[in-house]
Amino acid sequence: MKVHIKEEGGRRFTIPLPAGLALRFMGFAAGRRGEAGREIKAVMRGLKQAKKVWGHLAVVEIKDKDGDEVVITL
Protein backbone atom coordinates (compact mmCIF):
# COMPACT_ATOMS: atom_id res chain seq x y z
CA MET A 1 0.00 0.00 0.00
CA LYS A 2 1.39 3.43 -0.89
CA VAL A 3 0.30 6.97 -0.15
CA HIS A 4 1.30 9.40 -2.92
CA ILE A 5 1.15 13.11 -2.09
CA LYS A 6 1.69 15.90 -4.61
CA GLU A 7 1.66 19.50 -3.44
CA GLU A 8 0.74 22.55 -5.48
CA GLY A 9 4.35 23.73 -5.70
CA GLY A 10 5.36 20.51 -7.42
CA ARG A 11 6.80 18.72 -4.40
CA ARG A 12 5.97 15.02 -4.42
CA PHE A 13 6.58 12.30 -1.93
CA THR A 14 5.48 8.72 -1.38
CA ILE A 15 4.93 6.92 1.89
CA PRO A 16 5.24 3.15 1.47
CA LEU A 17 3.11 1.21 3.93
CA PRO A 18 3.15 -2.59 3.95
CA ALA A 19 -0.42 -3.65 3.17
CA GLY A 20 -0.18 -6.65 5.47
CA LEU A 21 0.78 -4.44 8.38
CA ALA A 22 -2.01 -1.95 7.71
CA LEU A 23 -4.62 -4.69 7.31
CA ARG A 24 -3.37 -6.49 10.43
CA PHE A 25 -3.68 -3.27 12.45
CA MET A 26 -7.23 -2.81 11.16
CA GLY A 27 -7.98 -6.42 12.04
CA PHE A 28 -6.79 -6.00 15.62
CA ALA A 29 -8.86 -2.85 15.99
CA ALA A 30 -11.88 -4.56 14.44
CA GLY A 31 -11.59 -7.59 16.70
CA ARG A 32 -12.85 -5.58 19.63
CA ARG A 33 -15.84 -4.07 17.83
CA GLY A 34 -18.33 -6.96 17.69
CA GLU A 35 -20.63 -6.87 14.65
CA ALA A 36 -18.79 -3.94 13.05
CA GLY A 37 -15.56 -5.88 13.48
CA ARG A 38 -16.87 -8.74 11.35
CA GLU A 39 -17.81 -6.30 8.61
CA ILE A 40 -14.37 -4.70 8.69
CA LYS A 41 -12.74 -8.11 8.47
CA ALA A 42 -14.90 -8.91 5.41
CA VAL A 43 -13.76 -5.66 3.78
CA MET A 44 -10.14 -6.57 4.55
CA ARG A 45 -10.55 -9.95 2.86
CA GLY A 46 -11.99 -8.19 -0.18
CA LEU A 47 -9.05 -5.78 -0.30
CA LYS A 48 -6.57 -8.65 -0.16
CA GLN A 49 -8.33 -10.40 -3.06
CA ALA A 50 -8.45 -7.14 -5.06
CA LYS A 51 -4.71 -6.67 -4.59
CA LYS A 52 -4.08 -10.18 -5.93
CA VAL A 53 -6.27 -9.58 -8.98
CA TRP A 54 -5.52 -5.95 -9.94
CA GLY A 55 -2.21 -5.17 -8.24
CA HIS A 56 -1.89 -1.37 -7.98
CA LEU A 57 -5.53 -0.48 -7.43
CA ALA A 58 -6.24 3.15 -6.46
CA VAL A 59 -8.40 3.00 -3.33
CA VAL A 60 -8.61 6.74 -2.62
CA GLU A 61 -7.93 9.53 -5.11
CA ILE A 62 -8.34 13.13 -3.95
CA LYS A 63 -7.61 16.16 -6.14
CA ASP A 64 -7.94 19.65 -4.70
CA LYS A 65 -8.78 22.60 -6.94
CA ASP A 66 -5.54 24.24 -5.72
CA GLY A 67 -3.51 21.45 -7.34
CA ASP A 68 -2.85 19.23 -4.33
CA GLU A 69 -3.33 15.50 -4.82
CA VAL A 70 -3.45 12.45 -2.53
CA VAL A 71 -3.66 8.93 -3.97
CA ILE A 72 -3.72 5.74 -1.88
CA THR A 73 -3.02 2.57 -3.86
CA LEU A 74 -2.94 -1.08 -2.88
C-alpha atoms as a PDB file:
ATOM      1  CA  MET A   1       0.000   0.000   0.000  1.00  0.00           C
ATOM      2  CA  LYS A   2       1.386   3.432  -0.891  1.00  0.00           C
ATOM      3  CA  VAL A   3       0.300   6.972  -0.145  1.00  0.00           C
ATOM      4  CA  HIS A   4       1.301   9.397  -2.920  1.00  0.00           C
ATOM      5  CA  ILE A   5       1.151  13.108  -2.091  1.00  0.00           C
ATOM      6  CA  LYS A   6       1.688  15.902  -4.606  1.00  0.00           C
ATOM      7  CA  GLU A   7       1.662  19.502  -3.439  1.00  0.00           C
ATOM      8  CA  GLU A   8       0.736  22.549  -5.480  1.00  0.00           C
ATOM      9  CA  GLY A   9       4.349  23.732  -5.701  1.00  0.00           C
ATOM     10  CA  GLY A  10       5.356  20.510  -7.423  1.00  0.00           C
ATOM     11  CA  ARG A  11       6.796  18.724  -4.395  1.00  0.00           C
ATOM     12  CA  ARG A  12       5.974  15.021  -4.423  1.00  0.00           C
ATOM     13  CA  PHE A  13       6.584  12.295  -1.928  1.00  0.00           C
ATOM     14  CA  THR A  14       5.478   8.723  -1.378  1.00  0.00           C
ATOM     15  CA  ILE A  15       4.929   6.924   1.894  1.00  0.00           C
ATOM     16  CA  PRO A  16       5.235   3.149   1.472  1.00  0.00           C
ATOM     17  CA  LEU A  17       3.110   1.206   3.934  1.00  0.00           C
ATOM     18  CA  PRO A  18       3.151  -2.589   3.951  1.00  0.00           C
ATOM     19  CA  ALA A  19      -0.415  -3.650   3.166  1.00  0.00           C
ATOM     20  CA  GLY A  20      -0.181  -6.654   5.472  1.00  0.00           C
ATOM     21  CA  LEU A  21       0.784  -4.440   8.381  1.00  0.00           C
ATOM     22  CA  ALA A  22      -2.007  -1.949   7.710  1.00  0.00           C
ATOM     23  CA  LEU A  23      -4.621  -4.685   7.310  1.00  0.00           C
ATOM     24  CA  ARG A  24      -3.369  -6.487  10.426  1.00  0.00           C
ATOM     25  CA  PHE A  25      -3.677  -3.269  12.447  1.00  0.00           C
ATOM     26  CA  MET A  26      -7.232  -2.810  11.156  1.00  0.00           C
ATOM     27  CA  GLY A  27      -7.980  -6.424  12.043  1.00  0.00           C
ATOM     28  CA  PHE A  28      -6.791  -6.005  15.625  1.00  0.00           C
ATOM     29  CA  ALA A  29      -8.856  -2.845  15.990  1.00  0.00           C
ATOM     30  CA  ALA A  30     -11.876  -4.556  14.436  1.00  0.00           C
ATOM     31  CA  GLY A  31     -11.593  -7.586  16.702  1.00  0.00           C
ATOM     32  CA  ARG A  32     -12.854  -5.584  19.635  1.00  0.00           C
ATOM     33  CA  ARG A  33     -15.842  -4.067  17.834  1.00  0.00           C
ATOM     34  CA  GLY A  34     -18.329  -6.963  17.694  1.00  0.00           C
ATOM     35  CA  GLU A  35     -20.627  -6.871  14.652  1.00  0.00           C
ATOM     36  CA  ALA A  36     -18.791  -3.943  13.048  1.00  0.00           C
ATOM     37  CA  GLY A  37     -15.555  -5.878  13.485  1.00  0.00           C
ATOM     38  CA  ARG A  38     -16.872  -8.744  11.354  1.00  0.00           C
ATOM     39  CA  GLU A  39     -17.811  -6.305   8.613  1.00  0.00           C
ATOM     40  CA  ILE A  40     -14.369  -4.695   8.689  1.00  0.00           C
ATOM     41  CA  LYS A  41     -12.742  -8.111   8.472  1.00  0.00           C
ATOM     42  CA  ALA A  42     -14.898  -8.910   5.413  1.00  0.00           C
ATOM     43  CA  VAL A  43     -13.760  -5.660   3.775  1.00  0.00           C
ATOM     44  CA  MET A  44     -10.139  -6.566   4.552  1.00  0.00           C
ATOM     45  CA  ARG A  45     -10.550  -9.946   2.862  1.00  0.00           C
ATOM     46  CA  GLY A  46     -11.990  -8.193  -0.185  1.00  0.00           C
ATOM     47  CA  LEU A  47      -9.050  -5.780  -0.301  1.00  0.00           C
ATOM     48  CA  LYS A  48      -6.568  -8.652  -0.163  1.00  0.00           C
ATOM     49  CA  GLN A  49      -8.334 -10.396  -3.056  1.00  0.00           C
ATOM     50  CA  ALA A  50      -8.451  -7.142  -5.057  1.00  0.00           C
ATOM     51  CA  LYS A  51      -4.707  -6.669  -4.587  1.00  0.00           C
ATOM     52  CA  LYS A  52      -4.078 -10.176  -5.927  1.00  0.00           C
ATOM     53  CA  VAL A  53      -6.273  -9.577  -8.980  1.00  0.00           C
ATOM     54  CA  TRP A  54      -5.519  -5.954  -9.939  1.00  0.00           C
ATOM     55  CA  GLY A  55      -2.207  -5.166  -8.239  1.00  0.00           C
ATOM     56  CA  HIS A  56      -1.890  -1.369  -7.984  1.00  0.00           C
ATOM     57  CA  LEU A  57      -5.534  -0.483  -7.434  1.00  0.00           C
ATOM     58  CA  ALA A  58      -6.244   3.152  -6.457  1.00  0.00           C
ATOM     59  CA  VAL A  59      -8.401   3.000  -3.332  1.00  0.00           C
ATOM     60  CA  VAL A  60      -8.607   6.744  -2.623  1.00  0.00           C
ATOM     61  CA  GLU A  61      -7.934   9.531  -5.108  1.00  0.00           C
ATOM     62  CA  ILE A  62      -8.340  13.132  -3.949  1.00  0.00           C
ATOM     63  CA  LYS A  63      -7.607  16.160  -6.141  1.00  0.00           C
ATOM     64  CA  ASP A  64      -7.940  19.647  -4.703  1.00  0.00           C
ATOM     65  CA  LYS A  65      -8.777  22.598  -6.940  1.00  0.00           C
ATOM     66  CA  ASP A  66      -5.536  24.240  -5.724  1.00  0.00           C
ATOM     67  CA  GLY A  67      -3.506  21.445  -7.344  1.00  0.00           C
ATOM     68  CA  ASP A  68      -2.850  19.225  -4.326  1.00  0.00           C
ATOM     69  CA  GLU A  69      -3.326  15.499  -4.823  1.00  0.00           C
ATOM     70  CA  VAL A  70      -3.446  12.453  -2.534  1.00  0.00           C
ATOM     71  CA  VAL A  71      -3.662   8.930  -3.970  1.00  0.00           C
ATOM     72  CA  ILE A  72      -3.719   5.741  -1.883  1.00  0.00           C
ATOM     73  CA  THR A  73      -3.018   2.566  -3.861  1.00  0.00           C
ATOM     74  CA  LEU A  74      -2.941  -1.078  -2.876  1.00  0.00           C
END
